[in-house]
């Protein structure tokens, strides 16, 4: 799981770099922020207003390479565990660095 997380972080960062997403925007994503666009059905990253520098929602399509790498399986696992996509809350703020990971 650790290697998958490292890969997903790197790949998501690279895939979002071209549209201009910032690292903090990507690492702040929650599973609910990954969903299909209502008009097109294309699955996108929804960057919430509080995450963006301009305080407005930004929408970035999920790159097909992430789909091929089973990114949505990872999103589902994090959602079922009630965890953000790219960080472990138990490790934040000086928490236990040996927390169990999903």
PDB file of N, CA and C in Angstrom:
ATOM      1  N   UNK A   1       0.832  -1.200   0.000  1.00  0.00           N
ATOM      2  CA  UNK A   1       0.000   0.000   0.000  1.00  0.00           C
ATOM      3  C   UNK A   1       0.870   1.254   0.000  1.00  0.00           C
ATOM      4  N   UNK A   2       1.992   1.219   0.727  1.00  0.00           N
ATOM      5  CA  UNK A   2       2.854   2.398   0.798  1.00  0.00           C
ATOM      6  C   UNK A   2       3.384   2.762  -0.588  1.00  0.00           C
ATOM      7  N   UNK A   3       3.809   1.766  -1.380  1.00  0.00           N
ATOM      8  CA  UNK A   3       4.321   2.051  -2.718  1.00  0.00           C
ATOM      9  C   UNK A   3       3.216   2.597  -3.606  1.00  0.00           C
ATOM     10  N   UNK A   4       1.996   2.061  -3.463  1.00  0.00           N
ATOM     11  CA  UNK A   4       0.876   2.563  -4.245  1.00  0.00           C
ATOM     12  C   UNK A   4       0.612   4.021  -3.892  1.00  0.00           C
ATOM     13  N   UNK A   5       0.615   4.341  -2.604  1.00  0.00           N
ATOM     14  CA  UNK A   5       0.382   5.720  -2.183  1.00  0.00           C
ATOM     15  C   UNK A   5       1.454   6.635  -2.746  1.00  0.00           C
ATOM     16  N   UNK A   6       2.717   6.222  -2.683  1.00  0.00           N
ATOM     17  CA  UNK A   6       3.799   7.044  -3.223  1.00  0.00           C
ATOM     18  C   UNK A   6       3.612   7.257  -4.715  1.00  0.00           C
ATOM     19  N   UNK A   7       3.241   6.183  -5.431  1.00  0.00           N
ATOM     20  CA  UNK A   7       3.025   6.293  -6.864  1.00  0.00           C
ATOM     21  C   UNK A   7       1.866   7.238  -7.169  1.00  0.00           C
ATOM     22  N   UNK A   8       0.764   7.047  -6.453  1.00  0.00           N
ATOM     23  CA  UNK A   8      -0.422   7.864  -6.701  1.00  0.00           C
ATOM     24  C   UNK A   8      -0.118   9.335  -6.440  1.00  0.00           C
ATOM     25  N   UNK A   9       0.586   9.608  -5.349  1.00  0.00           N
ATOM     26  CA  UNK A   9       0.956  11.001  -5.052  1.00  0.00           C
ATOM     27  C   UNK A   9       1.793  11.597  -6.168  1.00  0.00           C
ATOM     28  N   UNK A  10       2.799  10.887  -6.596  1.00  0.00           N
ATOM     29  CA  UNK A  10       3.677  11.370  -7.650  1.00  0.00           C
ATOM     30  C   UNK A  10       2.900  11.538  -8.943  1.00  0.00           C
ATOM     31  N   UNK A  11       2.154  10.500  -9.312  1.00  0.00           N
ATOM     32  CA  UNK A  11       1.443  10.535 -10.573  1.00  0.00           C
ATOM     33  C   UNK A  11       0.345  11.592 -10.572  1.00  0.00           C
ATOM     34  N   UNK A  12      -0.399  11.680  -9.472  1.00  0.00           N
ATOM     35  CA  UNK A  12      -1.453  12.700  -9.392  1.00  0.00           C
ATOM     36  C   UNK A  12      -0.837  14.087  -9.497  1.00  0.00           C
ATOM     37  N   UNK A  13       0.284  14.274  -8.826  1.00  0.00           N
ATOM     38  CA  UNK A  13       0.959  15.566  -8.899  1.00  0.00           C
ATOM     39  C   UNK A  13       1.393  15.898 -10.307  1.00  0.00           C
ATOM     40  N   UNK A  14       1.948  14.909 -10.996  1.00  0.00           N
ATOM     41  CA  UNK A  14       2.397  15.141 -12.366  1.00  0.00           C
ATOM     42  C   UNK A  14       1.224  15.381 -13.302  1.00  0.00           C
ATOM     43  N   UNK A  15       0.141  14.655 -13.101  1.00  0.00           N
ATOM     44  CA  UNK A  15      -1.019  14.791 -13.987  1.00  0.00           C
ATOM     45  C   UNK A  15      -1.747  16.112 -13.771  1.00  0.00           C
ATOM     46  N   UNK A  16      -1.640  16.671 -12.594  1.00  0.00           N
ATOM     47  CA  UNK A  16      -2.343  17.923 -12.303  1.00  0.00           C
ATOM     48  C   UNK A  16      -1.445  19.144 -12.509  1.00  0.00           C
ATOM     49  N   UNK A  17      -0.188  18.906 -12.729  1.00  0.00           N
ATOM     50  CA  UNK A  17       0.750  20.019 -12.884  1.00  0.00           C
ATOM     51  C   UNK A  17       0.402  20.869 -14.107  1.00  0.00           C
ATOM     52  N   UNK A  18       0.108  20.231 -15.233  1.00  0.00           N
ATOM     53  CA  UNK A  18      -0.167  20.970 -16.459  1.00  0.00           C
ATOM     54  C   UNK A  18      -1.345  21.933 -16.317  1.00  0.00           C
ATOM     55  N   UNK A  19      -2.464  21.514 -15.707  1.00  0.00           N
ATOM     56  CA  UNK A  19      -3.555  22.476 -15.532  1.00  0.00           C
ATOM     57  C   UNK A  19      -3.284  23.494 -14.432  1.00  0.00           C
ATOM     58  N   UNK A  20      -2.181  23.352 -13.703  1.00  0.00           N
ATOM     59  CA  UNK A  20      -1.810  24.360 -12.721  1.00  0.00           C
ATOM     60  C   UNK A  20      -2.218  24.065 -11.295  1.00  0.00           C
ATOM     61  N   UNK A  21      -2.572  22.845 -10.974  1.00  0.00           N
ATOM     62  CA  UNK A  21      -2.927  22.519  -9.590  1.00  0.00           C
ATOM     63  C   UNK A  21      -1.681  22.572  -8.715  1.00  0.00           C
ATOM     64  N   UNK A  22      -1.843  23.109  -7.535  1.00  0.00           N
ATOM     65  CA  UNK A  22      -0.733  23.213  -6.587  1.00  0.00           C
ATOM     66  C   UNK A  22      -0.663  21.951  -5.721  1.00  0.00           C
ATOM     67  N   UNK A  23       0.520  21.674  -5.205  1.00  0.00           N
ATOM     68  CA  UNK A  23       0.719  20.479  -4.388  1.00  0.00           C
ATOM     69  C   UNK A  23      -0.241  20.467  -3.204  1.00  0.00           C
ATOM     70  N   UNK A  24      -0.395  21.595  -2.518  1.00  0.00           N
ATOM     71  CA  UNK A  24      -1.284  21.624  -1.351  1.00  0.00           C
ATOM     72  C   UNK A  24      -2.742  21.386  -1.747  1.00  0.00           C
ATOM     73  N   UNK A  25      -3.124  21.770  -2.964  1.00  0.00           N
ATOM     74  CA  UNK A  25      -4.488  21.515  -3.413  1.00  0.00           C
ATOM     75  C   UNK A  25      -4.706  20.012  -3.621  1.00  0.00           C
ATOM     76  N   UNK A  26      -3.738  19.363  -4.223  1.00  0.00           N
ATOM     77  CA  UNK A  26      -3.856  17.930  -4.480  1.00  0.00           C
ATOM     78  C   UNK A  26      -3.808  17.136  -3.187  1.00  0.00           C
ATOM     79  N   UNK A  27      -2.888  17.494  -2.297  1.00  0.00           N
ATOM     80  CA  UNK A  27      -2.759  16.722  -1.060  1.00  0.00           C
ATOM     81  C   UNK A  27      -3.904  16.977  -0.085  1.00  0.00           C
ATOM     82  N   UNK A  28      -4.724  17.982  -0.335  1.00  0.00           N
ATOM     83  CA  UNK A  28      -5.886  18.264   0.518  1.00  0.00           C
ATOM     84  C   UNK A  28      -7.152  17.552   0.043  1.00  0.00           C
ATOM     85  N   UNK A  29      -7.060  16.822  -1.043  1.00  0.00           N
ATOM     86  CA  UNK A  29      -8.249  16.173  -1.604  1.00  0.00           C
ATOM     87  C   UNK A  29      -8.831  15.110  -0.682  1.00  0.00           C
ATOM     88  N   UNK A  30     -10.144  15.050  -0.677  1.00  0.00           N
ATOM     89  CA  UNK A  30     -10.902  14.003   0.017  1.00  0.00           C
ATOM     90  C   UNK A  30     -11.497  13.079  -1.037  1.00  0.00           C
ATOM     91  N   UNK A  31     -11.843  11.858  -0.675  1.00  0.00           N
ATOM     92  CA  UNK A  31     -12.462  10.973  -1.666  1.00  0.00           C
ATOM     93  C   UNK A  31     -13.693  11.598  -2.337  1.00  0.00           C
ATOM     94  N   UNK A  32     -14.456  12.378  -1.600  1.00  0.00           N
ATOM     95  CA  UNK A  32     -15.656  13.016  -2.174  1.00  0.00           C
ATOM     96  C   UNK A  32     -15.317  14.078  -3.217  1.00  0.00           C
ATOM     97  N   UNK A  33     -14.056  14.495  -3.271  1.00  0.00           N
ATOM     98  CA  UNK A  33     -13.628  15.499  -4.250  1.00  0.00           C
ATOM     99  C   UNK A  33     -13.325  14.888  -5.616  1.00  0.00           C
ATOM    100  N   UNK A  34     -13.445  13.576  -5.729  1.00  0.00           N
ATOM    101  CA  UNK A  34     -13.227  12.876  -6.997  1.00  0.00           C
ATOM    102  C   UNK A  34     -14.592  12.354  -7.433  1.00  0.00           C
ATOM    103  N   UNK A  35     -15.142  12.960  -8.487  1.00  0.00           N
ATOM    104  CA  UNK A  35     -16.473  12.550  -8.918  1.00  0.00           C
ATOM    105  C   UNK A  35     -16.715  12.957 -10.375  1.00  0.00           C
ATOM    106  N   UNK A  36     -17.729  12.350 -11.000  1.00  0.00           N
ATOM    107  CA  UNK A  36     -18.023  12.693 -12.395  1.00  0.00           C
ATOM    108  C   UNK A  36     -18.588  14.101 -12.534  1.00  0.00           C
ATOM    109  N   UNK A  37     -18.216  14.748 -13.624  1.00  0.00           N
ATOM    110  CA  UNK A  37     -18.794  16.041 -13.965  1.00  0.00           C
ATOM    111  C   UNK A  37     -20.258  15.820 -14.334  1.00  0.00           C
ATOM    112  N   UNK A  38     -21.139  16.678 -13.837  1.00  0.00           N
ATOM    113  CA  UNK A  38     -22.577  16.502 -14.068  1.00  0.00           C
ATOM    114  C   UNK A  38     -22.951  16.604 -15.544  1.00  0.00           C
ATOM    115  N   UNK A  39     -22.251  17.441 -16.298  1.00  0.00           N
ATOM    116  CA  UNK A  39     -22.592  17.643 -17.707  1.00  0.00           C
ATOM    117  C   UNK A  39     -21.968  16.599 -18.626  1.00  0.00           C
ATOM    118  N   UNK A  40     -20.707  16.260 -18.393  1.00  0.00           N
ATOM    119  CA  UNK A  40     -19.986  15.395 -19.327  1.00  0.00           C
ATOM    120  C   UNK A  40     -19.837  13.953 -18.848  1.00  0.00           C
ATOM    121  N   UNK A  41     -19.932  13.724 -17.538  1.00  0.00           N
ATOM    122  CA  UNK A  41     -19.714  12.391 -16.985  1.00  0.00           C
ATOM    123  C   UNK A  41     -18.244  12.056 -16.802  1.00  0.00           C
ATOM    124  N   UNK A  42     -17.350  12.966 -17.193  1.00  0.00           N
ATOM    125  CA  UNK A  42     -15.913  12.753 -17.030  1.00  0.00           C
ATOM    126  C   UNK A  42     -15.564  12.909 -15.555  1.00  0.00           C
ATOM    127  N   UNK A  43     -14.831  11.945 -15.012  1.00  0.00           N
ATOM    128  CA  UNK A  43     -14.459  11.997 -13.604  1.00  0.00           C
ATOM    129  C   UNK A  43     -13.357  13.041 -13.429  1.00  0.00           C
ATOM    130  N   UNK A  44     -13.546  13.897 -12.413  1.00  0.00           N
ATOM    131  CA  UNK A  44     -12.640  15.028 -12.207  1.00  0.00           C
ATOM    132  C   UNK A  44     -12.228  15.166 -10.742  1.00  0.00           C
ATOM    133  N   UNK A  45     -11.115  15.871 -10.547  1.00  0.00           N
ATOM    134  CA  UNK A  45     -10.727  16.356  -9.228  1.00  0.00           C
ATOM    135  C   UNK A  45     -11.474  17.671  -9.040  1.00  0.00           C
ATOM    136  N   UNK A  46     -12.200  17.807  -7.951  1.00  0.00           N
ATOM    137  CA  UNK A  46     -12.875  19.068  -7.629  1.00  0.00           C
ATOM    138  C   UNK A  46     -12.095  19.733  -6.509  1.00  0.00           C
ATOM    139  N   UNK A  47     -11.426  20.822  -6.830  1.00  0.00           N
ATOM    140  CA  UNK A  47     -10.653  21.556  -5.833  1.00  0.00           C
ATOM    141  C   UNK A  47     -11.591  22.570  -5.183  1.00  0.00           C
ATOM    142  N   UNK A  48     -11.898  22.313  -3.921  1.00  0.00           N
ATOM    143  CA  UNK A  48     -12.839  23.150  -3.184  1.00  0.00           C
ATOM    144  C   UNK A  48     -12.324  24.581  -3.042  1.00  0.00           C
ATOM    145  N   UNK A  49     -13.233  25.561  -2.943  1.00  0.00           N
ATOM    146  CA  UNK A  49     -12.814  26.961  -2.838  1.00  0.00           C
ATOM    147  C   UNK A  49     -11.810  27.229  -1.720  1.00  0.00           C
ATOM    148  N   UNK A  50     -11.976  26.564  -0.580  1.00  0.00           N
ATOM    149  CA  UNK A  50     -11.047  26.809   0.532  1.00  0.00           C
ATOM    150  C   UNK A  50      -9.654  26.243   0.248  1.00  0.00           C
ATOM    151  N   UNK A  51      -9.522  25.422  -0.779  1.00  0.00           N
ATOM    152  CA  UNK A  51      -8.234  24.835  -1.134  1.00  0.00           C
ATOM    153  C   UNK A  51      -7.468  25.690  -2.139  1.00  0.00           C
ATOM    154  N   UNK A  52      -8.176  26.517  -2.896  1.00  0.00           N
ATOM    155  CA  UNK A  52      -7.542  27.243  -3.996  1.00  0.00           C
ATOM    156  C   UNK A  52      -7.136  28.647  -3.583  1.00  0.00           C
ATOM    157  N   UNK A  53      -6.153  29.134  -4.264  1.00  0.00           N
ATOM    158  CA  UNK A  53      -5.638  30.480  -3.971  1.00  0.00           C
ATOM    159  C   UNK A  53      -6.690  31.557  -4.276  1.00  0.00           C
ATOM    160  N   UNK A  54      -7.506  31.306  -5.294  1.00  0.00           N
ATOM    161  CA  UNK A  54      -8.494  32.293  -5.702  1.00  0.00           C
ATOM    162  C   UNK A  54      -9.844  32.143  -5.042  1.00  0.00           C
ATOM    163  N   UNK A  55      -9.984  31.217  -4.083  1.00  0.00           N
ATOM    164  CA  UNK A  55     -11.242  30.986  -3.381  1.00  0.00           C
ATOM    165  C   UNK A  55     -12.414  30.684  -4.318  1.00  0.00           C
ATOM    166  N   UNK A  56     -12.153  29.879  -5.332  1.00  0.00           N
ATOM    167  CA  UNK A  56     -13.226  29.415  -6.207  1.00  0.00           C
ATOM    168  C   UNK A  56     -12.958  27.943  -6.535  1.00  0.00           C
ATOM    169  N   UNK A  57     -14.016  27.213  -6.857  1.00  0.00           N
ATOM    170  CA  UNK A  57     -13.860  25.800  -7.187  1.00  0.00           C
ATOM    171  C   UNK A  57     -13.161  25.658  -8.533  1.00  0.00           C
ATOM    172  N   UNK A  58     -12.208  24.723  -8.581  1.00  0.00           N
ATOM    173  CA  UNK A  58     -11.531  24.404  -9.835  1.00  0.00           C
ATOM    174  C   UNK A  58     -11.773  22.933 -10.131  1.00  0.00           C
ATOM    175  N   UNK A  59     -11.941  22.623 -11.393  1.00  0.00           N
ATOM    176  CA  UNK A  59     -12.240  21.266 -11.812  1.00  0.00           C
ATOM    177  C   UNK A  59     -11.159  20.803 -12.784  1.00  0.00           C
ATOM    178  N   UNK A  60     -10.542  19.650 -12.465  1.00  0.00           N
ATOM    179  CA  UNK A  60      -9.468  19.106 -13.291  1.00  0.00           C
ATOM    180  C   UNK A  60      -9.815  17.662 -13.625  1.00  0.00           C
ATOM    181  N   UNK A  61      -9.914  17.316 -14.904  1.00  0.00           N
ATOM    182  CA  UNK A  61     -10.216  15.929 -15.265  1.00  0.00           C
ATOM    183  C   UNK A  61      -9.136  14.970 -14.763  1.00  0.00           C
ATOM    184  N   UNK A  62      -9.569  13.792 -14.342  1.00  0.00           N
ATOM    185  CA  UNK A  62      -8.633  12.748 -13.926  1.00  0.00           C
ATOM    186  C   UNK A  62      -8.009  12.171 -15.198  1.00  0.00           C
ATOM    187  N   UNK A  63      -6.696  12.153 -15.238  1.00  0.00           N
ATOM    188  CA  UNK A  63      -5.976  11.661 -16.411  1.00  0.00           C
ATOM    189  C   UNK A  63      -6.240  10.167 -16.610  1.00  0.00           C
ATOM    190  N   UNK A  64      -6.331   9.746 -17.852  1.00  0.00           N
ATOM    191  CA  UNK A  64      -6.614   8.344 -18.162  1.00  0.00           C
ATOM    192  C   UNK A  64      -5.554   7.397 -17.588  1.00  0.00           C
ATOM    193  N   UNK A  65      -4.333   7.870 -17.446  1.00  0.00           N
ATOM    194  CA  UNK A  65      -3.283   7.025 -16.869  1.00  0.00           C
ATOM    195  C   UNK A  65      -3.603   6.664 -15.421  1.00  0.00           C
ATOM    196  N   UNK A  66      -4.185   7.598 -14.670  1.00  0.00           N
ATOM    197  CA  UNK A  66      -4.590   7.294 -13.293  1.00  0.00           C
ATOM    198  C   UNK A  66      -5.703   6.255 -13.277  1.00  0.00           C
ATOM    199  N   UNK A  67      -6.603   6.343 -14.238  1.00  0.00           N
ATOM    200  CA  UNK A  67      -7.678   5.354 -14.339  1.00  0.00           C
ATOM    201  C   UNK A  67      -7.068   3.980 -14.605  1.00  0.00           C
ATOM    202  N   UNK A  68      -6.111   3.894 -15.520  1.00  0.00           N
ATOM    203  CA  UNK A  68      -5.444   2.630 -15.846  1.00  0.00           C
ATOM    204  C   UNK A  68      -4.719   2.045 -14.636  1.00  0.00           C
ATOM    205  N   UNK A  69      -4.225   2.894 -13.744  1.00  0.00           N
ATOM    206  CA  UNK A  69      -3.494   2.448 -12.564  1.00  0.00           C
ATOM    207  C   UNK A  69      -4.415   2.137 -11.386  1.00  0.00           C
ATOM    208  N   UNK A  70      -5.726   2.064 -11.661  1.00  0.00           N
ATOM    209  CA  UNK A  70      -6.739   1.709 -10.655  1.00  0.00           C
ATOM    210  C   UNK A  70      -6.818   2.729  -9.515  1.00  0.00           C
ATOM    211  N   UNK A  71      -6.681   3.982  -9.875  1.00  0.00           N
ATOM    212  CA  UNK A  71      -6.772   5.065  -8.911  1.00  0.00           C
ATOM    213  C   UNK A  71      -8.103   5.046  -8.178  1.00  0.00           C
ATOM    214  N   UNK A  72      -9.184   4.701  -8.877  1.00  0.00           N
ATOM    215  CA  UNK A  72     -10.506   4.720  -8.246  1.00  0.00           C
ATOM    216  C   UNK A  72     -10.646   3.637  -7.181  1.00  0.00           C
ATOM    217  N   UNK A  73      -9.926   2.525  -7.327  1.00  0.00           N
ATOM    218  CA  UNK A  73      -9.913   1.510  -6.267  1.00  0.00           C
ATOM    219  C   UNK A  73      -9.307   2.102  -4.995  1.00  0.00           C
ATOM    220  N   UNK A  74      -8.233   2.851  -5.177  1.00  0.00           N
ATOM    221  CA  UNK A  74      -7.570   3.510  -4.043  1.00  0.00           C
ATOM    222  C   UNK A  74      -8.521   4.530  -3.398  1.00  0.00           C
ATOM    223  N   UNK A  75      -9.214   5.329  -4.233  1.00  0.00           N
ATOM    224  CA  UNK A  75     -10.163   6.322  -3.726  1.00  0.00           C
ATOM    225  C   UNK A  75     -11.262   5.627  -2.916  1.00  0.00           C
ATOM    226  N   UNK A  76     -11.779   4.516  -3.427  1.00  0.00           N
ATOM    227  CA  UNK A  76     -12.828   3.770  -2.715  1.00  0.00           C
ATOM    228  C   UNK A  76     -12.338   3.264  -1.360  1.00  0.00           C
ATOM    229  N   UNK A  77     -11.116   2.730  -1.307  1.00  0.00           N
ATOM    230  CA  UNK A  77     -10.564   2.239  -0.039  1.00  0.00           C
ATOM    231  C   UNK A  77     -10.438   3.363   0.977  1.00  0.00           C
ATOM    232  N   UNK A  78      -9.967   4.520   0.536  1.00  0.00           N
ATOM    233  CA  UNK A  78      -9.818   5.657   1.446  1.00  0.00           C
ATOM    234  C   UNK A  78     -11.192   6.150   1.905  1.00  0.00           C
ATOM    235  N   UNK A  79     -12.169   6.153   1.011  1.00  0.00           N
ATOM    236  CA  UNK A  79     -13.522   6.593   1.374  1.00  0.00           C
ATOM    237  C   UNK A  79     -14.127   5.659   2.417  1.00  0.00           C
ATOM    238  N   UNK A  80     -13.991   4.348   2.203  1.00  0.00           N
ATOM    239  CA  UNK A  80     -14.538   3.376   3.152  1.00  0.00           C
ATOM    240  C   UNK A  80     -13.872   3.478   4.515  1.00  0.00           C
ATOM    241  N   UNK A  81     -12.596   3.866   4.529  1.00  0.00           N
ATOM    242  CA  UNK A  81     -11.867   4.026   5.792  1.00  0.00           C
ATOM    243  C   UNK A  81     -12.117   5.399   6.429  1.00  0.00           C
ATOM    244  N   UNK A  82     -12.837   6.278   5.706  1.00  0.00           N
ATOM    245  CA  UNK A  82     -13.111   7.616   6.230  1.00  0.00           C
ATOM    246  C   UNK A  82     -11.865   8.489   6.305  1.00  0.00           C
ATOM    247  N   UNK A  83     -10.950   8.295   5.349  1.00  0.00           N
ATOM    248  CA  UNK A  83      -9.682   9.020   5.368  1.00  0.00           C
ATOM    249  C   UNK A  83      -9.527   9.922   4.156  1.00  0.00           C
ATOM    250  N   UNK A  84      -8.753  11.011   4.294  1.00  0.00           N
ATOM    251  CA  UNK A  84      -8.413  11.830   3.130  1.00  0.00           C
ATOM    252  C   UNK A  84      -7.584  10.983   2.148  1.00  0.00           C
ATOM    253  N   UNK A  85      -7.425  11.464   0.932  1.00  0.00           N
ATOM    254  CA  UNK A  85      -6.714  10.675  -0.067  1.00  0.00           C
ATOM    255  C   UNK A  85      -5.218  10.545   0.189  1.00  0.00           C
ATOM    256  N   UNK A  86      -4.554  11.622   0.560  1.00  0.00           N
ATOM    257  CA  UNK A  86      -3.095  11.613   0.503  1.00  0.00           C
ATOM    258  C   UNK A  86      -2.369  11.913   1.800  1.00  0.00           C
ATOM    259  N   UNK A  87      -3.010  11.767   2.926  1.00  0.00           N
ATOM    260  CA  UNK A  87      -2.273  11.894   4.179  1.00  0.00           C
ATOM    261  C   UNK A  87      -2.988  11.099   5.260  1.00  0.00           C
ATOM    262  N   UNK A  88      -2.245  10.788   6.306  1.00  0.00           N
ATOM    263  CA  UNK A  88      -2.768  10.029   7.430  1.00  0.00           C
ATOM    264  C   UNK A  88      -3.025  10.991   8.589  1.00  0.00           C
ATOM    265  N   UNK A  89      -4.289  11.278   8.917  1.00  0.00           N
ATOM    266  CA  UNK A  89      -4.579  12.232   9.990  1.00  0.00           C
ATOM    267  C   UNK A  89      -3.917  11.866  11.319  1.00  0.00           C
ATOM    268  N   UNK A  90      -3.772  10.589  11.603  1.00  0.00           N
ATOM    269  CA  UNK A  90      -3.144  10.160  12.853  1.00  0.00           C
ATOM    270  C   UNK A  90      -1.688  10.556  12.954  1.00  0.00           C
ATOM    271  N   UNK A  91      -1.066  10.840  11.812  1.00  0.00           N
ATOM    272  CA  UNK A  91       0.338  11.235  11.812  1.00  0.00           C
ATOM    273  C   UNK A  91       0.503  12.752  11.834  1.00  0.00           C
ATOM    274  N   UNK A  92      -0.551  13.472  11.597  1.00  0.00           N
ATOM    275  CA  UNK A  92      -0.487  14.930  11.584  1.00  0.00           C
ATOM    276  C   UNK A  92      -0.437  15.478  13.011  1.00  0.00           C
ATOM    277  N   UNK A  93       0.057  16.664  13.150  1.00  0.00           N
ATOM    278  CA  UNK A  93       0.070  17.346  14.450  1.00  0.00           C
ATOM    279  C   UNK A  93       0.780  16.544  15.531  1.00  0.00           C
ATOM    280  N   UNK A  94       1.844  15.834  15.156  1.00  0.00           N
ATOM    281  CA  UNK A  94       2.623  15.106  16.153  1.00  0.00           C
ATOM    282  C   UNK A  94       1.992  13.818  16.621  1.00  0.00           C
ATOM    283  N   UNK A  95       1.024  13.295  15.858  1.00  0.00           N
ATOM    284  CA  UNK A  95       0.356  12.055  16.247  1.00  0.00           C
ATOM    285  C   UNK A  95       1.271  10.852  16.133  1.00  0.00           C
ATOM    286  N   UNK A  96       0.738   9.700  16.457  1.00  0.00           N
ATOM    287  CA  UNK A  96       1.487   8.447  16.429  1.00  0.00           C
ATOM    288  C   UNK A  96       1.904   8.118  14.999  1.00  0.00           C
ATOM    289  N   UNK A  97       3.181   7.989  14.770  1.00  0.00           N
ATOM    290  CA  UNK A  97       3.689   7.687  13.430  1.00  0.00           C
ATOM    291  C   UNK A  97       3.564   6.213  13.071  1.00  0.00           C
ATOM    292  N   UNK A  98       3.079   5.417  14.004  1.00  0.00           N
ATOM    293  CA  UNK A  98       2.920   3.985  13.754  1.00  0.00           C
ATOM    294  C   UNK A  98       1.463   3.575  13.634  1.00  0.00           C
ATOM    295  N   UNK A  99       0.616   4.512  13.221  1.00  0.00           N
ATOM    296  CA  UNK A  99      -0.811   4.186  13.087  1.00  0.00           C
ATOM    297  C   UNK A  99      -0.999   3.163  11.994  1.00  0.00           C
ATOM    298  N   UNK A 100      -2.013   2.323  12.153  1.00  0.00           N
ATOM    299  CA  UNK A 100      -2.330   1.346  11.122  1.00  0.00           C
ATOM    300  C   UNK A 100      -2.891   2.063   9.917  1.00  0.00           C
ATOM    301  N   UNK A 101      -2.495   1.589   8.767  1.00  0.00           N
ATOM    302  CA  UNK A 101      -2.960   2.179   7.513  1.00  0.00           C
ATOM    303  C   UNK A 101      -3.976   1.239   6.897  1.00  0.00           C
ATOM    304  N   UNK A 102      -4.963   1.806   6.182  1.00  0.00           N
ATOM    305  CA  UNK A 102      -5.974   0.939   5.542  1.00  0.00           C
ATOM    306  C   UNK A 102      -5.360   0.109   4.437  1.00  0.00           C
TER     307      UNK A 102
END
